[in-house]
Protein backbone atom coordinates (compact mmCIF):
# COMPACT_ATOMS: atom_id res chain seq x y z
CA MET A 1 84.12 135.22 179.11
CA ASP A 2 86.62 132.77 177.67
CA ALA A 3 86.43 129.27 179.11
CA SER A 4 89.61 128.27 180.91
CA PRO A 5 91.12 124.96 179.84
CA PRO A 6 92.55 122.55 182.36
CA PRO A 7 95.87 123.75 183.84
CA SER A 8 97.63 120.65 182.50
CA VAL A 9 96.72 121.64 178.92
CA LEU A 10 97.93 125.25 178.71
CA PRO A 11 101.67 125.92 179.02
CA THR A 12 102.71 128.11 181.92
CA GLY A 13 102.89 131.78 180.98
CA VAL A 14 100.86 131.62 177.77
CA ASP A 15 98.90 134.87 177.34
CA PRO A 16 95.88 134.24 175.07
CA ALA A 17 95.47 137.97 174.34
CA GLU A 18 99.06 138.26 173.14
CA LEU A 19 98.69 135.19 170.93
CA ARG A 20 95.53 136.63 169.37
CA LEU A 21 97.30 139.87 168.51
CA ARG A 22 100.26 138.12 166.91
CA LEU A 23 98.01 135.75 165.00
CA SER A 24 95.80 138.58 163.74
CA ALA A 25 98.77 140.63 162.52
CA TRP A 26 100.16 137.61 160.67
CA TYR A 27 96.83 136.72 159.08
CA HIS A 28 96.10 140.18 157.75
CA THR A 29 99.41 140.16 155.86
CA ARG A 30 99.52 136.50 154.78
CA ALA A 31 95.91 135.41 154.14
CA ARG A 32 95.27 133.89 150.73
CA ARG A 33 92.56 135.35 148.55
CA LEU A 34 89.93 132.66 148.25
CA PRO A 35 86.54 132.96 146.54
CA TRP A 36 84.56 132.14 149.67
CA ARG A 37 86.53 134.78 151.58
CA ASP A 38 85.99 137.41 148.90
CA GLN A 39 82.23 136.78 149.01
CA PRO A 40 81.55 135.10 152.38
CA THR A 41 77.82 134.53 152.00
CA PRO A 42 76.45 131.76 154.23
CA TYR A 43 75.82 129.54 151.20
CA ARG A 44 79.32 129.96 149.76
CA VAL A 45 80.94 129.42 153.16
CA TRP A 46 78.84 126.29 153.67
CA VAL A 47 79.68 124.80 150.25
CA SER A 48 83.38 125.56 150.73
CA GLU A 49 83.49 123.98 154.19
CA ILE A 50 81.82 120.79 152.96
CA MET A 51 84.24 120.59 150.02
CA LEU A 52 87.23 121.25 152.28
CA GLN A 53 86.45 118.26 154.49
CA GLN A 54 89.46 115.95 153.93
CA THR A 55 90.43 117.89 150.79
CA GLN A 56 93.08 120.57 150.25
CA VAL A 57 92.26 124.13 149.18
CA ALA A 58 94.13 123.89 145.86
CA THR A 59 92.08 120.85 144.89
CA VAL A 60 88.79 122.42 145.94
CA LEU A 61 89.14 125.76 144.11
CA PRO A 62 88.07 124.74 140.57
CA TYR A 63 85.28 122.52 141.86
CA PHE A 64 83.96 125.30 144.08
CA GLU A 65 83.92 127.81 141.23
CA ARG A 66 82.14 125.37 138.93
CA PHE A 67 79.63 124.33 141.59
CA VAL A 68 78.52 127.81 142.66
CA ALA A 69 78.42 129.01 139.05
CA ALA A 70 75.92 126.26 138.22
CA LEU A 71 74.07 126.30 141.57
CA PRO A 72 74.53 129.81 142.97
CA ASP A 73 72.21 129.57 145.97
CA ILE A 74 70.41 127.20 148.30
CA GLU A 75 67.22 127.24 146.26
CA SER A 76 68.94 126.20 143.03
CA LEU A 77 70.81 123.43 144.84
CA ALA A 78 67.58 122.18 146.40
CA ARG A 79 65.84 122.14 143.00
CA ALA A 80 68.66 120.27 141.25
CA ASP A 81 68.45 116.52 140.73
CA GLU A 82 71.08 114.20 142.18
CA PRO A 83 72.85 113.42 138.87
CA THR A 84 73.41 117.15 138.35
CA VAL A 85 74.87 117.57 141.84
CA LEU A 86 77.09 114.49 141.51
CA GLY A 87 78.21 115.61 138.06
CA LEU A 88 79.41 118.93 139.44
CA TRP A 89 81.14 117.08 142.29
CA ALA A 90 82.66 114.36 140.09
CA GLY A 91 86.40 114.00 140.69
CA LEU A 92 86.41 115.66 144.11
CA GLY A 93 85.79 112.37 145.93
CA TYR A 94 83.97 111.50 149.15
CA TYR A 95 80.64 111.67 147.32
CA ARG A 96 78.56 111.32 150.47
CA ARG A 97 79.44 114.96 151.08
CA ALA A 98 77.61 115.95 147.89
CA ARG A 99 74.57 113.88 148.77
CA PHE A 100 74.44 115.31 152.29
CA LEU A 101 74.83 118.84 150.92
CA HIS A 102 71.95 118.22 148.51
CA ARG A 103 69.72 116.76 151.24
CA ALA A 104 70.60 119.59 153.60
CA ALA A 105 69.69 122.23 151.00
CA ARG A 106 66.25 120.68 150.66
CA GLU A 107 65.86 120.65 154.44
CA VAL A 108 66.88 124.31 154.66
CA VAL A 109 64.26 125.22 152.06
CA ALA A 110 61.57 123.10 153.73
CA ARG A 111 62.28 123.95 157.37
CA HIS A 112 64.14 127.28 157.37
CA GLY A 113 62.55 129.17 154.49
CA GLY A 114 65.64 128.80 152.31
CA ARG A 115 67.92 130.60 154.79
CA LEU A 116 70.81 128.72 156.36
CA PRO A 117 70.41 128.74 160.16
CA ALA A 118 73.04 130.70 162.05
CA SER A 119 73.41 128.79 165.30
CA ALA A 120 75.89 125.94 165.54
CA THR A 121 73.21 123.79 167.16
CA ASP A 122 70.80 124.22 164.25
CA LEU A 123 73.60 123.76 161.73
CA ARG A 124 74.64 120.46 163.34
CA ALA A 125 71.12 119.16 162.74
CA LEU A 126 71.67 119.35 158.97
CA PRO A 127 72.94 116.26 157.09
CA GLY A 128 76.71 116.23 156.72
CA VAL A 129 77.37 119.05 159.19
CA GLY A 130 79.41 118.02 162.22
CA ALA A 131 80.80 120.07 165.09
CA TYR A 132 83.77 121.48 163.16
CA THR A 133 81.76 122.44 160.07
CA ALA A 134 78.99 123.98 162.18
CA ALA A 135 81.52 126.09 164.10
CA ALA A 136 83.19 127.20 160.87
CA ILE A 137 79.92 128.28 159.25
CA ALA A 138 78.58 129.94 162.41
CA SER A 139 81.77 131.94 162.96
CA VAL A 140 82.84 132.75 159.40
CA ALA A 141 79.41 133.40 157.87
CA PHE A 142 77.57 134.78 160.91
CA GLY A 143 80.31 136.08 163.22
CA LEU A 144 79.30 133.90 166.16
CA PRO A 145 81.91 133.02 168.83
CA GLU A 146 82.44 129.36 167.95
CA ALA A 147 86.01 128.01 167.99
CA VAL A 148 86.90 125.82 165.00
CA VAL A 149 88.96 122.67 165.50
CA ASP A 150 89.78 121.13 162.12
CA GLY A 151 92.81 119.11 161.05
CA ASN A 152 94.99 122.18 160.57
CA VAL A 153 93.95 123.69 163.89
CA ILE A 154 94.53 120.39 165.67
CA ARG A 155 98.13 120.46 164.47
CA VAL A 156 98.67 124.06 165.61
CA LEU A 157 97.10 123.61 169.04
CA SER A 158 98.62 120.23 169.83
CA ARG A 159 102.09 121.63 169.13
CA LEU A 160 101.41 124.91 170.90
CA VAL A 161 100.59 123.12 174.17
CA ALA A 162 102.50 119.85 173.52
CA LEU A 163 99.21 118.04 173.99
CA PRO A 164 99.83 114.66 175.67
CA GLN A 165 96.44 113.17 174.76
CA LEU A 166 95.77 111.33 171.51
CA THR A 167 93.89 113.80 169.33
CA ASP A 168 91.64 111.15 167.78
CA THR A 169 90.18 110.17 171.17
CA ALA A 170 87.41 111.85 173.16
CA PRO A 171 89.77 113.14 175.92
CA GLY A 172 92.10 114.60 173.31
CA GLN A 173 89.25 116.26 171.44
CA ARG A 174 87.90 117.77 174.66
CA ALA A 175 91.33 119.14 175.55
CA LEU A 176 91.78 120.63 172.07
CA GLN A 177 88.36 122.27 172.19
CA ALA A 178 89.18 123.76 175.60
CA VAL A 179 92.37 125.33 174.27
CA ALA A 180 90.62 126.56 171.12
CA ASP A 181 87.83 128.11 173.20
CA ALA A 182 90.34 129.87 175.46
CA LEU A 183 92.30 131.32 172.54
CA LEU A 184 89.27 132.39 170.49
CA ASP A 185 89.08 136.09 169.69
CA ARG A 186 85.43 136.71 170.46
CA SER A 187 85.56 140.20 169.00
CA ASP A 188 86.32 138.76 165.54
CA PRO A 189 85.77 134.99 165.53
CA SER A 190 85.57 134.86 161.73
CA SER A 191 89.07 136.20 161.15
CA HIS A 192 90.49 134.32 164.14
CA ASN A 193 89.25 130.92 163.00
CA GLN A 194 90.35 131.51 159.43
CA ALA A 195 93.74 132.62 160.72
CA MET A 196 94.15 129.44 162.76
CA MET A 197 93.22 127.27 159.78
CA GLU A 198 95.50 129.29 157.50
CA LEU A 199 98.40 128.99 159.92
CA GLY A 200 98.07 125.22 159.95
CA ALA A 201 97.82 125.06 156.17
CA LEU A 202 100.69 127.40 155.30
CA VAL A 203 103.13 127.32 158.22
CA CYS A 204 102.46 124.59 160.79
CA SER A 205 102.66 121.80 158.22
CA PRO A 206 102.76 118.09 159.10
CA ARG A 207 106.42 117.79 158.08
CA GLY A 208 109.01 120.55 158.29
CA PRO A 209 106.88 123.28 159.89
CA ASP A 210 108.17 126.80 159.20
CA CYS A 211 108.59 127.76 162.84
CA ALA A 212 110.78 130.75 161.99
CA THR A 213 107.81 132.59 160.46
CA CYS A 214 105.12 131.34 162.84
CA PRO A 215 103.53 134.09 164.96
CA LEU A 216 102.85 131.61 167.76
CA SER A 217 106.39 130.23 167.80
CA PRO A 218 107.61 132.18 170.87
CA SER A 219 104.89 130.49 172.94
CA CYS A 220 105.00 127.03 171.34
CA ALA A 221 105.85 124.26 173.79
CA ALA A 222 106.73 121.74 171.09
CA ARG A 223 109.08 124.14 169.35
CA ALA A 224 110.82 124.93 172.64
CA ALA A 225 111.43 121.21 173.15
CA GLY A 226 112.30 120.54 169.50
CA THR A 227 109.48 118.00 169.25
CA GLN A 228 107.19 119.64 166.68
CA GLU A 229 106.90 116.59 164.46
CA ARG A 230 105.83 114.36 167.35
CA TYR A 231 102.51 116.19 167.41
CA PRO A 232 99.65 115.70 167.02
CA ARG A 233 99.70 112.32 168.72
CA LYS A 234 97.26 109.82 167.21
CA ARG A 235 96.35 106.18 167.45
CA ALA A 236 98.09 103.89 164.99
CA ARG A 237 96.19 103.85 161.71
CA THR A 238 94.74 100.67 160.30
CA PRO A 239 96.17 100.13 156.80
CA PRO A 240 93.63 100.22 153.94
CA GLN A 241 92.04 96.90 153.07
CA LYS A 242 93.46 95.48 149.83
CA VAL A 243 90.74 94.72 147.29
CA ARG A 244 90.94 93.39 143.72
CA ALA A 245 88.24 94.01 141.14
CA CYS A 246 87.72 93.81 137.40
CA CYS A 247 85.78 95.74 134.78
CA GLY A 248 85.01 95.23 131.11
CA LEU A 249 85.47 97.46 128.07
CA ALA A 250 82.61 96.68 125.71
CA THR A 251 81.71 98.74 122.65
CA ASP A 252 78.85 98.75 120.16
CA GLU A 253 79.15 99.00 116.37
CA ALA A 254 79.39 102.80 116.65
CA GLY A 255 82.35 102.58 119.03
CA ARG A 256 80.41 103.75 122.07
CA LEU A 257 81.42 102.37 125.46
CA LEU A 258 79.10 100.39 127.69
CA MET A 259 78.78 102.16 131.05
CA ALA A 260 76.50 101.66 134.02
CA ARG A 261 75.35 103.76 136.97
CA ARG A 262 76.04 102.36 140.42
CA PRO A 263 73.10 102.16 142.84
CA ALA A 264 72.64 104.56 145.72
CA GLY A 265 73.87 103.37 149.10
CA VAL A 266 77.10 101.74 147.88
CA LEU A 267 80.59 103.17 147.48
CA LEU A 268 80.51 105.64 144.56
CA GLY A 269 76.74 105.23 144.35
CA GLY A 270 75.05 107.22 141.59
CA LEU A 271 78.23 107.44 139.50
CA TRP A 272 78.87 105.83 136.11
CA GLU A 273 81.60 103.27 135.46
CA LEU A 274 82.72 100.51 133.16
CA PRO A 275 80.71 97.55 134.50
CA GLY A 276 82.33 94.92 136.68
CA GLY A 277 82.82 94.08 140.33
CA GLU A 278 85.11 92.68 142.99
CA LEU A 279 87.03 89.45 142.53
CA THR A 280 86.55 86.40 144.69
CA PRO A 281 89.68 84.44 145.73
CA GLU A 282 88.45 81.18 144.24
CA THR A 283 87.52 82.55 140.79
CA SER A 284 89.71 83.85 137.96
CA PRO A 285 89.29 87.52 136.92
CA GLN A 286 87.75 86.47 133.60
CA ARG A 287 85.19 84.19 135.26
CA SER A 288 84.39 86.83 137.87
CA LEU A 289 83.84 89.46 135.19
CA GLN A 290 81.59 87.11 133.22
CA ALA A 291 79.53 86.49 136.34
CA HIS A 292 79.26 90.18 137.18
CA LEU A 293 78.15 91.12 133.66
CA HIS A 294 75.53 88.37 133.69
CA GLU A 295 74.19 89.06 137.17
CA ARG A 296 74.29 92.84 137.02
CA LEU A 297 73.42 93.51 133.35
CA GLY A 298 71.97 90.30 131.95
CA LEU A 299 74.82 89.82 129.47
CA ASP A 300 76.51 86.58 128.41
CA ALA A 301 79.93 87.95 127.60
CA GLU A 302 83.12 86.70 126.03
CA ILE A 303 86.11 88.05 127.94
CA GLY A 304 89.21 88.95 125.95
CA ARG A 305 92.69 90.09 126.85
CA ARG A 306 93.63 92.24 129.79
CA LEU A 307 93.97 95.86 128.65
CA GLY A 308 95.51 97.34 131.75
CA VAL A 309 95.39 97.74 135.49
CA VAL A 310 94.59 100.76 137.65
CA GLU A 311 95.26 101.29 141.35
CA HIS A 312 93.20 103.64 143.45
CA VAL A 313 93.26 104.36 147.19
CA PHE A 314 90.10 105.24 149.05
CA SER A 315 90.21 106.24 152.71
CA HIS A 316 89.76 102.63 153.82
CA ARG A 317 90.48 100.52 150.71
CA HIS A 318 93.38 100.02 148.32
CA LEU A 319 91.80 98.90 145.06
CA THR A 320 93.59 97.12 142.21
CA LEU A 321 91.30 97.09 139.17
CA ASP A 322 92.00 94.89 136.14
CA ILE A 323 90.48 96.06 132.85
CA TYR A 324 89.51 93.44 130.25
CA ALA A 325 88.29 93.68 126.69
CA VAL A 326 84.78 92.36 126.08
CA PRO A 327 84.79 91.59 122.33
CA ALA A 328 81.36 89.98 122.28
CA ALA A 329 78.28 89.99 124.49
CA ARG A 330 74.83 88.52 123.97
CA GLY A 331 71.53 89.32 125.60
CA ALA A 332 69.40 92.38 126.17
CA LEU A 333 70.87 94.93 128.55
CA THR A 334 68.86 94.49 131.73
CA PRO A 335 70.28 96.37 134.71
CA ALA A 336 69.66 94.33 137.83
CA TRP A 337 72.23 95.52 140.35
CA TYR A 338 73.03 98.71 138.43
CA ASP A 339 70.43 101.48 138.30
CA GLU A 340 70.96 102.22 134.63
CA CYS A 341 73.21 101.30 131.72
CA ALA A 342 73.84 102.62 128.21
CA PHE A 343 76.36 102.79 125.39
CA LEU A 344 77.87 106.28 125.63
CA ASP A 345 79.95 108.25 123.15
CA ALA A 346 82.62 110.73 124.28
CA ALA A 347 80.15 113.61 124.58
CA ASP A 348 77.72 111.54 126.65
CA ARG A 349 80.53 110.26 128.87
CA ALA A 350 81.56 113.84 129.59
CA ARG A 351 78.05 114.67 130.76
CA VAL A 352 77.42 111.83 133.20
CA PRO A 353 78.81 111.96 136.76
CA ARG A 354 81.94 109.81 137.10
CA SER A 355 84.45 109.15 139.83
CA ARG A 356 88.15 109.88 139.58
CA LEU A 357 88.62 106.10 139.51
CA THR A 358 86.54 105.79 136.34
CA ASP A 359 88.45 108.67 134.77
CA LYS A 360 91.69 106.80 135.49
CA VAL A 361 90.26 103.65 133.90
CA LEU A 362 89.17 105.52 130.77
CA GLU A 363 92.58 107.18 130.52
CA ALA A 364 94.30 103.80 130.87
CA VAL A 365 92.41 102.39 127.87
CA GLY A 366 92.72 105.48 125.67
CA HIS A 367 89.26 106.94 126.21
CA GLY A 368 90.11 109.66 128.71
């Protein structure tokens, strides 16, 4: 039986069965065709859910197609080396997701015979799989009655019940899960969860929700009060930390660019970049870059003019990156901090895994 949420959470008179019917009718006429819906194998659903963490569907689509074309099943992902996995992920961001996915595939092969476990409990034991992702895989791929509460669903449910709790706190998350559990269509949890996520993505948007076409609108407490955009309620966000850094553009006699692979365990670990590092307040950018090139690559470099500047926002950092010419450098390349370094031509640069930040840097200096 459906769990009943606290009386203070559900609006008076809301009939879960009626909401399910309206939601189902809407979904079966409005659902987008997506590759993981057309072929909802456990592996494809899993890869899509990991990619969709903090990333929109339109952004994910080409990366998903490329990834599953190269690594079509759990076994091929488990056999792949990390540079291959990161290369296929390059540009999608949040690279820990790719590393967790890779580690999890190897665990599935080693501990589950290459078959993704069906239960949400077993799924949560895999690297990179939290409660939301486990519920999504269990319900969509295996048809188990697990209610999904992702960012889109949070928006729908918090408006539906005018949730007073902050949704990024434990009490708010418990209240949301209670409502989601009560509304879940246990006869078809796969379609129900996808419908809830689709409704949040297409109709119940953060700004200017299209309440006129929403199947849940007649029962929505926030819409009745005209307070849709006040929900979900969250704690005030801490602004990203402002960070300045520098990198150097050095070439050899053949015009190849010096690039280096960042070590594992740091931001953008395992990805290639123009070498450099963060600035210190007491040192000029040129001096900082000289020090970084010496300490990290063993080079005594002459720093030339500034070629450009790139800004990039991570989830917790706002980076301003100055790019300098390096017209001359002496010493044998000896990666100390970096894992690897090499002079790469355009074809080689296209093959190594890079971040979107590095792509922006290369574009800024005419090597994109």
